[in-house]
Amino acid sequence: MPERDVLVEYGHGFRFSNLLFHGLETSYLEHSLWYRGAQVVSLNTTQILYLPSEWTWTLSATGSRTQFANGGSDWVPSGSTKLGVPLLRKLSGNLLFGVGAENFAQVDQIGRLSARSYGGGVRYRFAESQDVTAGVAIQDRARGQKQISLGLSYGIRF
C-alpha cells in the first residue's frame, strides 16, 4: 500500500479535414507512488489516430522507474499498438501487439520479466450506448513462460 500517490493526466483531441486522418486523441499520464523505502514513477503517452472508414490506430509508450532508498534506480520501457477495424454494421474487431518489461523488484531481490503480447477482440454494439466486447491476449514471456488472458465485458455509455 503506497504511503503517497500522485496522478497527473492530460488529454486533448484534434479534428482534421483531410483524406488520410480524421482526428487524433493524445494523452499524457504521470503516476508517482511512494512506499516505505521505494518510489515508483510511471510516464505514459497514448495517441489514437482516427483513419478513414472507421479504422483506428492506437500507439502507447510507457516508461517506469523504480528507485529504492538503499540502492539505485531502474527504468523499464514498454509499448503497444492496436489496430481497430470495422467488420460489419454493428461489429468491429481489433488486433494488438505489445512489448516490454516489468521490474518486480524488492529491496533485497531484483527481478525482471520481458514479454511480447499478441491478441485481438471483437465488439458488438446493440445500440449507440450499449455493447459487448470479447478479447484474447497471449503473452510470451522470457524463459519460455506463456500466459493467455480472456476477457468479456458489457458496456453502457451515459
Protein backbone atom coordinates (compact mmCIF):
# COMPACT_ATOMS: atom_id res chain seq x y z
CA MET A 1 0.00 0.00 0.00
CA PRO A 2 1.58 3.32 -1.03
CA GLU A 3 2.08 6.00 1.60
CA ARG A 4 1.56 8.75 -1.00
CA ASP A 5 0.16 8.73 -4.52
CA VAL A 6 0.12 11.48 -7.19
CA LEU A 7 -1.60 11.11 -10.57
CA VAL A 8 -1.49 13.73 -13.33
CA GLU A 9 -3.23 13.20 -16.67
CA TYR A 10 -3.89 15.46 -19.62
CA GLY A 11 -5.59 14.63 -22.90
CA HIS A 12 -6.70 16.56 -25.96
CA GLY A 13 -8.49 15.73 -29.20
CA PHE A 14 -7.99 17.25 -32.64
CA ARG A 15 -10.23 17.04 -35.71
CA PHE A 16 -8.72 17.06 -39.20
CA SER A 17 -10.31 17.74 -42.57
CA ASN A 18 -8.18 15.66 -44.90
CA LEU A 19 -8.35 12.27 -46.61
CA LEU A 20 -5.72 10.45 -44.51
CA PHE A 21 -6.63 11.37 -40.92
CA HIS A 22 -9.99 12.37 -39.46
CA GLY A 23 -8.81 13.03 -35.92
CA LEU A 24 -6.22 12.50 -33.21
CA GLU A 25 -6.57 11.99 -29.48
CA THR A 26 -3.41 12.39 -27.44
CA SER A 27 -2.87 11.90 -23.72
CA TYR A 28 -0.10 12.06 -21.15
CA LEU A 29 -0.20 10.31 -17.78
CA GLU A 30 2.27 10.54 -14.91
CA HIS A 31 1.76 8.39 -11.83
CA SER A 32 4.07 8.56 -8.80
CA LEU A 33 3.81 6.20 -5.82
CA TRP A 34 5.84 6.39 -2.63
CA TYR A 35 6.27 3.30 -0.50
CA ARG A 36 8.32 2.83 2.66
CA GLY A 37 11.81 2.58 1.17
CA ALA A 38 10.87 2.87 -2.52
CA GLN A 39 9.39 5.19 -5.16
CA VAL A 40 7.77 4.21 -8.46
CA VAL A 41 7.19 6.69 -11.30
CA SER A 42 5.30 5.75 -14.47
CA LEU A 43 5.17 8.01 -17.55
CA ASN A 44 2.75 7.13 -20.35
CA THR A 45 1.69 8.68 -23.62
CA THR A 46 -1.07 7.37 -25.88
CA GLN A 47 -2.11 8.50 -29.35
CA ILE A 48 -5.31 7.38 -31.08
CA LEU A 49 -5.40 8.16 -34.78
CA TYR A 50 -8.80 8.12 -36.48
CA LEU A 51 -8.47 6.86 -40.04
CA PRO A 52 -10.93 6.68 -42.97
CA SER A 53 -13.80 4.14 -42.94
CA GLU A 54 -13.96 3.96 -39.11
CA TRP A 55 -10.48 2.45 -38.72
CA THR A 56 -8.39 3.45 -35.67
CA TRP A 57 -4.72 3.06 -34.80
CA THR A 58 -3.55 3.38 -31.20
CA LEU A 59 0.09 3.78 -30.12
CA SER A 60 1.15 3.77 -26.49
CA ALA A 61 4.57 4.07 -24.81
CA THR A 62 5.37 3.76 -21.10
CA GLY A 63 8.48 4.21 -19.04
CA SER A 64 8.50 3.11 -15.40
CA ARG A 65 11.21 3.93 -12.88
CA THR A 66 11.72 2.14 -9.58
CA GLN A 67 14.06 3.63 -7.00
CA PHE A 68 14.96 2.16 -3.63
CA ALA A 69 16.24 4.08 -0.60
CA ASN A 70 19.15 1.63 -0.17
CA GLY A 71 20.06 1.27 -3.83
CA GLY A 72 19.95 2.55 -7.35
CA SER A 73 17.12 3.10 -9.76
CA ASP A 74 15.98 1.30 -12.88
CA TRP A 75 13.96 2.48 -15.92
CA VAL A 76 11.79 -0.11 -17.70
CA PRO A 77 10.22 0.71 -21.11
CA SER A 78 7.17 -0.82 -22.78
CA GLY A 79 4.95 -0.06 -25.75
CA SER A 80 1.91 -1.29 -27.59
CA THR A 81 -0.07 -0.76 -30.76
CA LYS A 82 -3.65 -1.65 -31.64
CA LEU A 83 -5.46 -1.52 -34.96
CA GLY A 84 -9.26 -1.22 -34.85
CA VAL A 85 -11.19 -2.41 -37.91
CA PRO A 86 -14.91 -2.24 -38.77
CA LEU A 87 -16.21 -5.67 -39.78
CA LEU A 88 -19.97 -5.31 -40.22
CA ARG A 89 -22.52 -2.58 -39.45
CA LYS A 90 -22.52 -3.18 -35.66
CA LEU A 91 -19.43 -5.37 -35.37
CA SER A 92 -15.82 -4.24 -35.11
CA GLY A 93 -12.57 -6.00 -34.36
CA ASN A 94 -9.06 -5.20 -33.24
CA LEU A 95 -5.55 -6.64 -33.33
CA LEU A 96 -2.89 -5.72 -30.79
CA PHE A 97 0.81 -6.16 -30.18
CA GLY A 98 2.82 -5.10 -27.17
CA VAL A 99 6.39 -5.45 -25.99
CA GLY A 100 8.04 -4.53 -22.75
CA ALA A 101 9.49 -5.48 -19.45
CA GLU A 102 8.35 -5.46 -15.88
CA ASN A 103 10.52 -4.89 -12.83
CA PHE A 104 9.05 -6.69 -9.84
CA ALA A 105 12.00 -5.94 -7.60
CA GLN A 106 12.11 -5.67 -3.85
CA VAL A 107 14.82 -4.10 -1.72
CA ASP A 108 16.67 -7.40 -1.26
CA GLN A 109 15.70 -9.04 -4.55
CA ILE A 110 15.78 -7.75 -8.12
CA GLY A 111 13.71 -9.45 -10.78
CA ARG A 112 12.80 -8.54 -14.30
CA LEU A 113 10.41 -10.08 -16.80
CA SER A 114 10.34 -9.24 -20.51
CA ALA A 115 7.42 -10.19 -22.74
CA ARG A 116 5.71 -9.83 -26.09
CA SER A 117 1.92 -9.79 -26.21
CA TYR A 118 -0.35 -10.58 -29.16
CA GLY A 119 -4.11 -10.51 -29.24
CA GLY A 120 -7.35 -9.36 -30.66
CA GLY A 121 -11.01 -8.95 -29.99
CA VAL A 122 -14.45 -8.11 -31.28
CA ARG A 123 -17.12 -5.62 -30.20
CA TYR A 124 -20.81 -5.83 -30.99
CA ARG A 125 -22.92 -2.67 -30.50
CA PHE A 126 -26.55 -3.34 -29.56
CA ALA A 127 -27.38 0.36 -29.60
CA GLU A 128 -25.46 3.65 -29.60
CA SER A 129 -24.88 3.34 -25.84
CA GLN A 130 -24.55 -0.45 -25.29
CA ASP A 131 -22.05 -3.05 -26.45
CA VAL A 132 -20.43 -6.38 -25.66
CA THR A 133 -16.69 -6.85 -26.10
CA ALA A 134 -14.67 -10.10 -26.10
CA GLY A 135 -10.92 -10.46 -26.43
CA VAL A 136 -7.92 -12.71 -26.07
CA ALA A 137 -4.26 -11.89 -25.40
CA ILE A 138 -1.29 -14.24 -25.46
CA GLN A 139 1.84 -13.14 -23.66
CA ASP A 140 5.16 -14.85 -24.48
CA ARG A 141 7.46 -14.20 -21.55
CA ALA A 142 11.17 -14.70 -21.03
CA ARG A 143 12.39 -18.16 -20.05
CA GLY A 144 9.65 -19.92 -22.08
CA GLN A 145 6.73 -18.80 -19.94
CA LYS A 146 3.35 -18.07 -21.54
CA GLN A 147 0.12 -16.50 -20.29
CA ILE A 148 -3.26 -16.48 -22.05
CA SER A 149 -5.87 -13.94 -20.96
CA LEU A 150 -9.53 -13.97 -21.95
CA GLY A 151 -11.93 -11.10 -21.42
CA LEU A 152 -15.63 -10.36 -21.79
CA SER A 153 -17.33 -7.07 -20.92
CA TYR A 154 -20.66 -5.34 -21.25
CA GLY A 155 -20.59 -1.58 -21.72
CA ILE A 156 -23.18 1.11 -21.06
CA ARG A 157 -22.39 4.71 -22.04
CA PHE A 158 -24.23 7.64 -20.50
